[in-house]
Protein backbone atom coordinates (compact mmCIF):
# COMPACT_ATOMS: atom_id res chain seq x y z
CA UNK A 1 114.64 129.77 163.68
CA UNK A 2 115.62 127.03 160.96
CA UNK A 3 112.58 125.32 159.35
CA UNK A 4 113.12 122.31 160.97
CA UNK A 5 109.64 120.72 160.53
CA UNK A 6 110.64 117.74 158.26
CA UNK A 7 114.03 117.49 159.20
CA UNK A 8 114.97 113.77 160.41
CA UNK A 9 118.68 113.78 161.15
CA UNK A 10 120.06 114.04 164.51
CA UNK A 11 119.72 117.03 166.56
CA UNK A 12 121.69 120.58 166.25
CA UNK A 13 125.00 120.64 168.31
CA UNK A 14 126.14 123.66 169.55
CA UNK A 15 128.72 124.26 167.20
CA UNK A 16 125.79 123.89 164.41
CA UNK A 17 123.24 126.27 166.50
CA UNK A 18 125.67 128.71 166.46
CA UNK A 19 126.81 128.83 162.80
CA UNK A 20 122.54 128.89 161.93
CA UNK A 21 122.30 131.48 164.40
CA UNK A 22 124.69 133.89 162.91
CA UNK A 23 123.70 133.25 159.39
CA UNK A 24 120.02 134.04 160.07
CA UNK A 25 120.84 137.10 162.06
CA UNK A 26 122.22 138.48 158.58
CA UNK A 27 118.99 137.36 156.68
CA UNK A 28 120.00 134.03 155.54
CA UNK A 29 117.58 131.19 155.80
CA UNK A 30 118.24 127.87 156.84
CA UNK A 31 115.33 125.07 156.07
CA UNK A 32 115.05 121.10 155.49
CA UNK A 33 116.20 120.02 152.06
CA UNK A 34 112.80 119.28 149.79
CA UNK A 35 114.90 116.47 148.19
CA UNK A 36 116.15 112.89 149.68
CA UNK A 37 115.37 109.05 148.91
CA UNK A 38 112.06 109.66 151.10
CA UNK A 39 109.96 112.29 152.74
CA UNK A 40 111.26 110.73 156.12
CA UNK A 41 114.68 111.19 155.34
CA UNK A 42 115.29 114.82 155.06
CA UNK A 43 118.66 114.98 157.23
CA UNK A 44 120.29 117.66 155.00
CA UNK A 45 119.66 121.33 155.90
CA UNK A 46 120.04 123.90 152.97
CA UNK A 47 121.59 127.46 153.62
CA UNK A 48 119.38 129.88 151.27
CA UNK A 49 119.10 133.63 150.14
CA UNK A 50 116.53 134.73 148.45
CA UNK A 51 115.13 131.19 148.70
CA UNK A 52 118.18 130.50 146.36
CA UNK A 53 120.45 127.46 147.81
CA UNK A 54 123.95 128.20 148.60
CA UNK A 55 125.42 125.90 150.80
CA UNK A 56 124.27 122.85 152.68
CA UNK A 57 124.83 121.55 156.06
CA UNK A 58 124.21 118.03 157.86
CA UNK A 59 124.87 116.63 161.34
CA UNK A 60 127.62 114.23 159.80
CA UNK A 61 129.60 117.24 158.97
CA UNK A 62 129.13 119.38 161.80
CA UNK A 63 129.28 116.56 164.45
CA UNK A 64 131.99 114.05 163.49
CA UNK A 65 133.75 115.95 161.25
CA UNK A 66 133.88 119.48 162.82
CA UNK A 67 132.66 121.53 159.73
CA UNK A 68 130.03 124.26 159.29
CA UNK A 69 128.79 123.60 155.76
CA UNK A 70 129.38 122.61 152.47
CA UNK A 71 129.89 125.11 149.61
CA UNK A 72 127.57 125.27 146.50
CA UNK A 73 128.94 126.07 143.07
CA UNK A 74 127.07 127.74 139.89
CA UNK A 75 127.82 125.96 136.73
CA UNK A 76 129.43 127.51 134.17
CA UNK A 77 127.13 129.26 131.67
CA UNK A 78 123.98 128.61 133.76
CA UNK A 79 122.10 129.10 136.82
CA UNK A 80 121.89 125.89 137.69
CA UNK A 81 123.82 124.99 141.07
CA UNK A 82 126.11 121.87 142.21
CA UNK A 83 127.50 120.58 145.29
CA UNK A 84 130.34 119.01 143.61
CA UNK A 85 133.48 121.14 142.87
CA UNK A 86 134.12 122.09 139.07
CA UNK A 87 136.70 120.60 137.22
CA UNK A 88 139.04 123.43 136.92
CA UNK A 89 138.57 124.31 140.62
CA UNK A 90 141.75 125.48 142.48
CA UNK A 91 141.82 126.01 146.24
CA UNK A 92 144.38 128.62 146.44
CA UNK A 93 142.61 131.00 143.78
CA UNK A 94 139.24 130.22 145.53
CA UNK A 95 140.49 131.67 148.59
CA UNK A 96 142.03 134.67 147.06
CA UNK A 97 139.39 135.57 145.37
CA UNK A 98 136.86 135.32 148.30
CA UNK A 99 139.50 136.74 150.92
CA UNK A 100 139.45 134.01 152.78
CA UNK A 101 142.01 131.73 154.49
CA UNK A 102 142.53 128.58 152.41
CA UNK A 103 143.05 126.75 155.92
CA UNK A 104 139.33 127.23 156.39
CA UNK A 105 138.46 125.31 153.63
CA UNK A 106 138.58 121.55 152.99
CA UNK A 107 138.37 119.59 149.71
CA UNK A 108 136.40 116.19 150.86
CA UNK A 109 136.62 113.53 147.83
CA UNK A 110 134.67 110.18 148.22
CA UNK A 111 133.27 107.88 145.92
CA UNK A 112 130.44 110.34 144.76
CA UNK A 113 132.88 113.27 143.84
CA UNK A 114 134.44 116.24 145.67
CA UNK A 115 133.11 118.89 147.56
CA UNK A 116 134.27 122.07 148.90
CA UNK A 117 133.82 122.04 153.06
CA UNK A 118 133.93 125.38 155.03
CA UNK A 119 135.77 124.79 158.60
CA UNK A 120 134.40 127.71 160.77
CA UNK A 121 131.78 130.22 161.40
CA UNK A 122 133.11 133.21 160.33
CA UNK A 123 134.70 131.80 156.97
CA UNK A 124 131.03 130.27 156.44
CA UNK A 125 129.28 134.07 156.78
CA UNK A 126 131.93 135.58 154.39
CA UNK A 127 131.59 132.97 151.62
CA UNK A 128 127.45 133.15 152.13
CA UNK A 129 127.58 137.05 152.04
CA UNK A 130 129.48 136.92 148.93
CA UNK A 131 126.82 134.61 147.39
CA UNK A 132 124.48 137.45 148.89
CA UNK A 133 126.19 140.05 146.81
CA UNK A 134 126.20 138.30 143.49
CA UNK A 135 122.46 136.82 143.60
CA UNK A 136 121.21 140.57 144.26
CA UNK A 137 123.07 142.09 141.34
CA UNK A 138 121.55 139.31 139.46
CA UNK A 139 117.94 139.31 141.09
CA UNK A 140 118.04 143.31 141.12
CA UNK A 141 120.05 145.10 138.14
CA UNK A 142 120.39 148.46 138.46
CA UNK A 143 118.81 150.93 135.94
CA UNK A 144 121.68 153.28 136.19
CA UNK A 145 119.28 156.09 137.20
CA UNK A 146 120.41 156.30 140.64
CA UNK A 147 124.22 155.25 139.99
CA UNK A 148 126.53 157.95 140.91
CA UNK A 149 129.00 157.06 138.49
CA UNK A 150 126.05 156.61 136.06
CA UNK A 151 124.91 159.96 136.67
CA UNK A 152 128.24 161.38 136.29
CA UNK A 153 128.79 159.69 132.84
CA UNK A 154 125.38 161.22 131.84
CA UNK A 155 126.12 164.85 132.81
CA UNK A 156 129.47 164.90 131.16
CA UNK A 157 127.62 163.64 127.72
CA UNK A 158 124.66 166.25 128.07
CA UNK A 159 127.67 168.96 128.89
CA UNK A 160 129.45 167.76 125.90
CA UNK A 161 126.67 167.67 123.66
CA UNK A 162 126.90 170.66 121.52
CA UNK A 163 124.14 170.51 119.50
CA UNK A 164 121.90 171.90 122.24
CA UNK A 165 122.05 175.17 123.64
CA UNK A 166 123.93 176.18 127.03
CA UNK A 167 120.51 176.85 128.38
CA UNK A 168 118.88 173.61 127.02
CA UNK A 169 122.21 171.55 128.55
CA UNK A 170 122.02 172.78 132.02
CA UNK A 171 118.11 172.22 131.90
CA UNK A 172 118.64 168.50 130.95
CA UNK A 173 121.69 168.20 133.47
CA UNK A 174 119.10 169.37 136.17
CA UNK A 175 116.47 166.83 135.02
CA UNK A 176 119.22 163.85 135.35
CA UNK A 177 120.09 165.21 138.90
CA UNK A 178 116.52 164.80 139.67
CA UNK A 179 116.16 168.77 140.16
CA UNK A 180 114.91 171.72 137.95
CA UNK A 181 111.62 171.94 136.46
CA UNK A 182 111.16 168.06 136.48
CA UNK A 183 111.76 167.96 140.32
CA UNK A 184 109.52 171.42 140.60
CA UNK A 185 106.43 169.62 138.66
CA UNK A 186 106.60 166.52 141.19
CA UNK A 187 106.71 168.68 144.17
CA UNK A 188 103.66 170.48 142.60
CA UNK A 189 102.15 167.58 141.83
CA UNK A 190 102.47 165.41 145.15
CA UNK A 191 102.23 168.24 147.52
CA UNK A 192 106.16 167.69 148.34
CA UNK A 193 105.61 164.41 150.00
CA UNK A 194 106.29 160.61 149.11
CA UNK A 195 103.78 159.72 146.94
CA UNK A 196 102.98 156.14 149.04
CA UNK A 197 104.22 157.39 152.48
CA UNK A 198 103.62 161.05 152.68
CA UNK A 199 107.09 161.82 154.03
CA UNK A 200 107.76 165.33 153.44
CA UNK A 201 111.26 165.76 154.63
CA UNK A 202 112.54 167.37 151.43
CA UNK A 203 116.44 165.80 151.73
CA UNK A 204 114.84 162.39 151.83
CA UNK A 205 112.67 162.59 148.72
CA UNK A 206 113.87 161.35 145.27
CA UNK A 207 112.10 162.49 141.67
CA UNK A 208 112.17 158.97 140.40
CA UNK A 209 111.66 158.21 136.78
CA UNK A 210 109.05 155.27 136.08
CA UNK A 211 110.62 154.76 132.68
CA UNK A 212 114.39 154.87 133.13
CA UNK A 213 116.39 157.97 132.06
CA UNK A 214 118.60 155.79 129.80
CA UNK A 215 115.30 154.23 128.18
CA UNK A 216 113.60 157.30 127.67
CA UNK A 217 113.22 159.96 124.82
CA UNK A 218 114.21 163.45 125.53
CA UNK A 219 110.21 164.40 125.86
CA UNK A 220 109.90 161.60 128.48
CA UNK A 221 112.85 162.90 130.77
CA UNK A 222 111.27 165.99 131.24
CA UNK A 223 107.58 164.76 131.20
CA UNK A 224 106.34 164.89 135.14
CA UNK A 225 103.96 161.98 134.19
CA UNK A 226 107.04 159.66 134.07
CA UNK A 227 108.06 160.31 137.62
CA UNK A 228 107.09 159.79 141.00
CA UNK A 229 108.20 161.60 144.26
CA UNK A 230 109.42 158.74 146.36
CA UNK A 231 111.09 158.06 149.57
CA UNK A 232 114.62 157.17 149.12
CA UNK A 233 113.98 153.91 150.08
CA UNK A 234 111.27 153.66 147.91
CA UNK A 235 112.96 155.08 144.95
CA UNK A 236 116.11 152.66 145.27
CA UNK A 237 113.77 149.77 145.43
CA UNK A 238 111.60 150.97 142.41
CA UNK A 239 114.72 151.68 140.75
CA UNK A 240 115.79 148.27 140.53
CA UNK A 241 112.76 146.90 140.12
CA UNK A 242 112.49 145.31 143.53
CA UNK A 243 108.98 146.49 143.92
CA UNK A 244 106.30 148.13 141.11
CA UNK A 245 103.44 150.26 141.91
CA UNK A 246 99.85 149.10 139.55
CA UNK A 247 98.20 151.45 137.68
CA UNK A 248 95.46 151.22 140.59
CA UNK A 249 98.53 152.06 142.75
CA UNK A 250 98.88 148.90 144.42
CA UNK A 251 102.30 148.25 145.51
CA UNK A 252 103.49 144.89 144.81
CA UNK A 253 106.72 143.45 145.87
CA UNK A 254 109.20 141.12 144.45
CA UNK A 255 108.58 137.42 146.23
CA UNK A 256 112.15 137.29 147.52
CA UNK A 257 112.04 140.16 149.59
CA UNK A 258 111.69 138.50 153.11
CA UNK A 259 109.90 139.45 155.71
CA UNK A 260 112.69 140.42 157.52
CA UNK A 261 113.86 142.46 154.51
CA UNK A 262 110.79 144.38 154.93
CA UNK A 263 110.65 144.97 158.24
CA UNK A 264 114.07 146.70 157.87
CA UNK A 265 112.87 149.03 155.16
CA UNK A 266 110.21 150.39 156.85
CA UNK A 267 106.36 151.41 155.72
CA UNK A 268 105.93 150.47 152.30
CA UNK A 269 102.18 151.45 151.63
CA UNK A 270 100.35 151.50 148.15
CA UNK A 271 100.13 155.15 146.23
CA UNK A 272 98.20 157.29 148.21
CA UNK A 273 97.02 159.18 144.91
CA UNK A 274 94.77 158.21 142.07
CA UNK A 275 97.00 158.03 138.84
CA UNK A 276 96.07 159.66 135.83
CA UNK A 277 96.26 157.61 132.26
CA UNK A 278 99.60 158.95 131.14
CA UNK A 279 101.48 157.79 134.87
CA UNK A 280 99.39 154.59 134.51
CA UNK A 281 100.98 153.99 131.16
CA UNK A 282 104.18 154.53 132.39
CA UNK A 283 103.57 152.38 135.18
CA UNK A 284 102.81 149.21 132.92
CA UNK A 285 105.78 149.51 131.15
CA UNK A 286 107.48 148.88 134.73
CA UNK A 287 104.93 146.39 135.58
CA UNK A 288 106.02 144.59 132.26
CA UNK A 289 109.58 144.61 133.33
CA UNK A 290 109.10 143.89 136.90
CA UNK A 291 107.18 140.52 135.76
CA UNK A 292 109.67 139.67 133.33
CA UNK A 293 112.47 139.97 136.35
CA UNK A 294 110.38 138.09 138.46
CA UNK A 295 109.89 135.41 136.23
CA UNK A 296 113.84 134.99 135.79
CA UNK A 297 114.45 134.91 139.73
CA UNK A 298 111.75 132.19 140.25
CA UNK A 299 113.59 130.26 137.44
CA UNK A 300 116.81 130.95 138.88
CA UNK A 301 115.63 129.74 142.41
CA UNK A 302 114.18 126.33 140.99
CA UNK A 303 117.61 125.78 139.32
CA UNK A 304 119.33 126.28 142.81
CA UNK A 305 117.35 123.27 144.31
CA UNK A 306 117.75 120.84 141.50
């Protein structure tokens, strides 16, 4: 349900309700703006993804004019957002880039400036999904550890390294693929089960590097203390710094993972094992990068609501 606790505008009509229901079914959250002339004049609703404001709605728009929302733009060269269109905006180019019909968009101009209005629910969802994808790419950058293309490139590079023997190269390929001795060592240490959930379905487990492959030395890549055996979901989250495990084993999730995300992802408990000093040291490096990204995410969110 949208957060209307401090909303003072006209009641939502059927059209507005259907748009909001469709957005929230896909994980977007609609809430009353925290800005406005006075606390009792909160007549604007914000469409957010991971707390970043990506669109706005009000009764004047969905009521008398029959539009779903207006689109928020990011300012060139920064993570700050604005309601007004950029100076170099071209409607036809925008529609092509976003795969939507130009007729579903309207360029509204008044004394305060020009704004992009979105006409229907389908186009609103399309544009908001695109924003969600771009935000997640920025919030949760890949380390390359689990990306198929990066793995393929790494394997090609390993096999092309003639400074090593064929046996050494094949062993390194096995480690890069999460197999070989590295996987066997983690299987032995964690009892062939996820270090957090205890899941023992081998096909759903990943030999996860704590310090990413690309940032590790040859020794660190083979070091089982630089690894955790995790279920595929946890491995994917851990690889992109959406979660981290503290040296005491406590799980910490990014603040931008909402309740619906966590519900759909399934159980995410603390590590069920005592950590040795070596593995704890690797996790401290992971913690530091997680904290750096969390700070960056928080700055992104603050910039979007200014």
